[in-house]
N, C-alpha and C. Protein backbone atom coordinates (compact mmCIF):
# COMPACT_ATOMS: atom_id res chain seq x y z
N UNK A 1 -9.61 6.94 2.73
CA UNK A 1 -8.94 5.83 2.08
C UNK A 1 -7.41 6.02 2.12
N UNK A 2 -6.97 7.26 1.98
CA UNK A 2 -5.53 7.52 2.02
C UNK A 2 -4.95 7.19 3.39
N UNK A 3 -5.66 7.57 4.45
CA UNK A 3 -5.17 7.26 5.80
C UNK A 3 -5.10 5.76 6.03
N UNK A 4 -6.10 5.04 5.52
CA UNK A 4 -6.10 3.58 5.67
C UNK A 4 -4.87 2.98 4.98
N UNK A 5 -4.55 3.49 3.82
CA UNK A 5 -3.41 2.97 3.07
C UNK A 5 -2.10 3.28 3.79
N UNK A 6 -1.97 4.49 4.30
CA UNK A 6 -0.76 4.83 5.04
C UNK A 6 -0.61 3.95 6.28
N UNK A 7 -1.71 3.72 6.98
CA UNK A 7 -1.70 2.83 8.15
C UNK A 7 -1.31 1.41 7.76
N UNK A 8 -1.81 0.98 6.64
CA UNK A 8 -1.52 -0.36 6.15
C UNK A 8 -0.02 -0.54 5.91
N UNK A 9 0.60 0.43 5.25
CA UNK A 9 2.03 0.34 4.98
C UNK A 9 2.82 0.40 6.29
N UNK A 10 2.43 1.29 7.18
CA UNK A 10 3.11 1.40 8.47
C UNK A 10 3.02 0.10 9.25
N UNK A 11 1.84 -0.48 9.29
CA UNK A 11 1.64 -1.75 10.00
C UNK A 11 2.45 -2.89 9.36
N UNK A 12 2.54 -2.86 8.04
CA UNK A 12 3.30 -3.88 7.32
C UNK A 12 4.78 -3.77 7.69
N UNK A 13 5.29 -2.55 7.72
CA UNK A 13 6.69 -2.36 8.07
C UNK A 13 6.96 -2.79 9.51
N UNK A 14 6.01 -2.55 10.40
CA UNK A 14 6.14 -2.99 11.79
C UNK A 14 6.16 -4.52 11.86
N UNK A 15 5.30 -5.15 11.09
CA UNK A 15 5.25 -6.62 11.06
C UNK A 15 6.58 -7.19 10.55
N UNK A 16 7.18 -6.52 9.58
CA UNK A 16 8.48 -6.97 9.07
C UNK A 16 9.53 -6.87 10.17
N UNK A 17 9.55 -5.73 10.85
CA UNK A 17 10.54 -5.55 11.93
C UNK A 17 10.36 -6.59 13.02
N UNK A 18 9.10 -6.96 13.28
CA UNK A 18 8.80 -7.96 14.31
C UNK A 18 8.88 -9.39 13.80
N UNK A 19 9.16 -9.54 12.51
CA UNK A 19 9.24 -10.86 11.87
C UNK A 19 7.96 -11.66 12.07
N UNK A 20 6.83 -10.96 11.98
CA UNK A 20 5.51 -11.57 12.19
C UNK A 20 4.92 -11.95 10.82
N UNK A 21 5.23 -13.17 10.41
CA UNK A 21 4.80 -13.63 9.08
C UNK A 21 3.28 -13.69 8.94
N UNK A 22 2.58 -14.06 10.01
CA UNK A 22 1.12 -14.12 9.94
C UNK A 22 0.54 -12.73 9.66
N UNK A 23 1.07 -11.74 10.36
CA UNK A 23 0.58 -10.36 10.17
C UNK A 23 0.96 -9.86 8.78
N UNK A 24 2.16 -10.20 8.30
CA UNK A 24 2.56 -9.78 6.96
C UNK A 24 1.63 -10.36 5.90
N UNK A 25 1.26 -11.62 6.07
CA UNK A 25 0.35 -12.26 5.12
C UNK A 25 -1.01 -11.58 5.16
N UNK A 26 -1.50 -11.33 6.35
CA UNK A 26 -2.80 -10.66 6.51
C UNK A 26 -2.77 -9.28 5.84
N UNK A 27 -1.72 -8.53 6.09
CA UNK A 27 -1.63 -7.18 5.53
C UNK A 27 -1.40 -7.21 4.03
N UNK A 28 -0.68 -8.20 3.54
CA UNK A 28 -0.49 -8.32 2.09
C UNK A 28 -1.83 -8.54 1.40
N UNK A 29 -2.70 -9.34 2.02
CA UNK A 29 -4.03 -9.55 1.45
C UNK A 29 -4.84 -8.26 1.47
N UNK A 30 -4.72 -7.49 2.55
CA UNK A 30 -5.42 -6.21 2.63
C UNK A 30 -4.87 -5.24 1.59
N UNK A 31 -3.57 -5.29 1.35
CA UNK A 31 -2.96 -4.42 0.34
C UNK A 31 -3.55 -4.72 -1.04
N UNK A 32 -3.71 -5.98 -1.33
CA UNK A 32 -4.30 -6.37 -2.62
C UNK A 32 -5.71 -5.82 -2.74
N UNK A 33 -6.49 -5.94 -1.68
CA UNK A 33 -7.85 -5.39 -1.69
C UNK A 33 -7.81 -3.88 -1.91
N UNK A 34 -6.91 -3.19 -1.19
CA UNK A 34 -6.80 -1.73 -1.32
C UNK A 34 -6.41 -1.36 -2.74
N UNK A 35 -5.44 -2.07 -3.29
CA UNK A 35 -4.99 -1.78 -4.65
C UNK A 35 -6.12 -1.95 -5.66
N UNK A 36 -6.92 -2.99 -5.49
CA UNK A 36 -8.06 -3.20 -6.39
C UNK A 36 -9.07 -2.06 -6.29
N UNK A 37 -9.30 -1.57 -5.07
CA UNK A 37 -10.23 -0.45 -4.89
C UNK A 37 -9.70 0.81 -5.55
N UNK A 38 -8.39 1.03 -5.44
CA UNK A 38 -7.83 2.25 -6.03
C UNK A 38 -7.91 2.22 -7.55
N UNK A 39 -7.76 1.04 -8.12
CA UNK A 39 -7.89 0.93 -9.58
C UNK A 39 -9.31 1.27 -9.98
N UNK A 40 -10.27 0.77 -9.22
CA UNK A 40 -11.68 1.06 -9.50
C UNK A 40 -11.94 2.57 -9.41
N UNK A 41 -11.42 3.19 -8.38
CA UNK A 41 -11.63 4.63 -8.21
C UNK A 41 -10.95 5.41 -9.32
N UNK A 42 -9.75 5.00 -9.68
CA UNK A 42 -9.00 5.76 -10.68
C UNK A 42 -9.58 5.65 -12.08
N UNK A 43 -10.44 4.67 -12.31
CA UNK A 43 -11.05 4.56 -13.64
C UNK A 43 -12.25 5.48 -13.80
N UNK A 44 -12.73 6.02 -12.67
CA UNK A 44 -13.83 6.96 -12.74
C UNK A 44 -13.27 8.33 -13.13
N UNK A 45 -13.93 9.00 -14.03
CA UNK A 45 -13.40 10.30 -14.45
C UNK A 45 -13.42 11.31 -13.31
N UNK A 46 -12.31 11.97 -13.13
CA UNK A 46 -12.22 13.01 -12.11
C UNK A 46 -12.79 14.31 -12.65
N UNK A 47 -13.43 15.06 -11.79
CA UNK A 47 -14.01 16.32 -12.22
C UNK A 47 -12.92 17.36 -12.48
N UNK A 48 -11.77 17.17 -11.84
CA UNK A 48 -10.66 18.10 -12.03
C UNK A 48 -9.40 17.30 -12.35
N UNK A 49 -8.73 17.66 -13.45
CA UNK A 49 -7.50 16.92 -13.81
C UNK A 49 -6.45 16.92 -12.71
N UNK A 50 -6.36 18.01 -11.93
CA UNK A 50 -5.35 18.05 -10.87
C UNK A 50 -5.66 17.04 -9.77
N UNK A 51 -6.95 16.75 -9.55
CA UNK A 51 -7.31 15.73 -8.57
C UNK A 51 -6.90 14.34 -9.05
N UNK A 52 -7.11 14.10 -10.33
CA UNK A 52 -6.72 12.81 -10.90
C UNK A 52 -5.21 12.62 -10.80
N UNK A 53 -4.45 13.67 -11.08
CA UNK A 53 -3.00 13.58 -11.00
C UNK A 53 -2.56 13.39 -9.55
N UNK A 54 -3.16 14.11 -8.62
CA UNK A 54 -2.80 13.97 -7.21
C UNK A 54 -3.07 12.54 -6.73
N UNK A 55 -4.20 11.97 -7.13
CA UNK A 55 -4.54 10.61 -6.74
C UNK A 55 -3.53 9.62 -7.32
N UNK A 56 -3.19 9.81 -8.58
CA UNK A 56 -2.22 8.94 -9.23
C UNK A 56 -0.85 9.04 -8.56
N UNK A 57 -0.43 10.25 -8.23
CA UNK A 57 0.85 10.45 -7.55
C UNK A 57 0.85 9.79 -6.19
N UNK A 58 -0.26 9.92 -5.45
CA UNK A 58 -0.37 9.31 -4.13
C UNK A 58 -0.24 7.79 -4.23
N UNK A 59 -0.96 7.20 -5.18
CA UNK A 59 -0.91 5.75 -5.36
C UNK A 59 0.51 5.30 -5.68
N UNK A 60 1.21 6.07 -6.52
CA UNK A 60 2.57 5.71 -6.91
C UNK A 60 3.51 5.76 -5.70
N UNK A 61 3.42 6.82 -4.90
CA UNK A 61 4.29 6.95 -3.73
C UNK A 61 4.02 5.83 -2.73
N UNK A 62 2.76 5.51 -2.54
CA UNK A 62 2.41 4.45 -1.60
C UNK A 62 2.89 3.10 -2.11
N UNK A 63 2.79 2.87 -3.39
CA UNK A 63 3.29 1.62 -3.97
C UNK A 63 4.79 1.51 -3.79
N UNK A 64 5.49 2.63 -3.92
CA UNK A 64 6.94 2.62 -3.71
C UNK A 64 7.27 2.26 -2.27
N UNK A 65 6.50 2.81 -1.31
CA UNK A 65 6.72 2.48 0.10
C UNK A 65 6.49 1.00 0.34
N UNK A 66 5.42 0.46 -0.27
CA UNK A 66 5.09 -0.95 -0.09
C UNK A 66 6.20 -1.82 -0.66
N UNK A 67 6.71 -1.45 -1.82
CA UNK A 67 7.79 -2.21 -2.45
C UNK A 67 9.03 -2.19 -1.57
N UNK A 68 9.34 -1.03 -1.02
CA UNK A 68 10.50 -0.92 -0.12
C UNK A 68 10.29 -1.80 1.11
N UNK A 69 9.09 -1.80 1.65
CA UNK A 69 8.79 -2.66 2.80
C UNK A 69 8.96 -4.12 2.44
N UNK A 70 8.51 -4.49 1.26
CA UNK A 70 8.63 -5.89 0.82
C UNK A 70 10.10 -6.29 0.67
N UNK A 71 10.93 -5.36 0.20
CA UNK A 71 12.37 -5.65 0.08
C UNK A 71 12.97 -5.89 1.45
N UNK A 72 12.50 -5.17 2.45
CA UNK A 72 13.00 -5.33 3.81
C UNK A 72 12.60 -6.68 4.40
N UNK A 73 11.55 -7.28 3.84
CA UNK A 73 11.07 -8.54 4.36
C UNK A 73 12.08 -9.66 4.11
N UNK A 74 12.81 -9.61 3.02
CA UNK A 74 13.73 -10.69 2.68
C UNK A 74 14.69 -11.01 3.83
N UNK A 75 15.35 -10.02 4.44
CA UNK A 75 16.21 -10.35 5.57
C UNK A 75 15.43 -10.89 6.77
N UNK A 76 14.18 -10.49 6.93
CA UNK A 76 13.38 -10.94 8.07
C UNK A 76 13.04 -12.41 7.97
N UNK A 77 13.00 -12.94 6.77
CA UNK A 77 12.62 -14.34 6.57
C UNK A 77 13.78 -15.27 6.90
N UNK A 78 15.00 -14.80 6.76
CA UNK A 78 16.17 -15.66 7.00
C UNK A 78 16.21 -16.21 8.39
């Protein structure tokens, strides 16, 4: 799941650079699906607290990357 998310962000950033609005929309929808899955996973109790923290940290870093990519989209739309 982590690799899928990293690929998703990378592909989104590529779509922004290419000004491919159709691909950005498609990937934004996939991001929403991924985010919903991660919420579901994170509500399940982790057997080890360090695993829960690592998962939470990963989600936060990936969300930051996605937000940065979305900020880059604004100039691409002009």
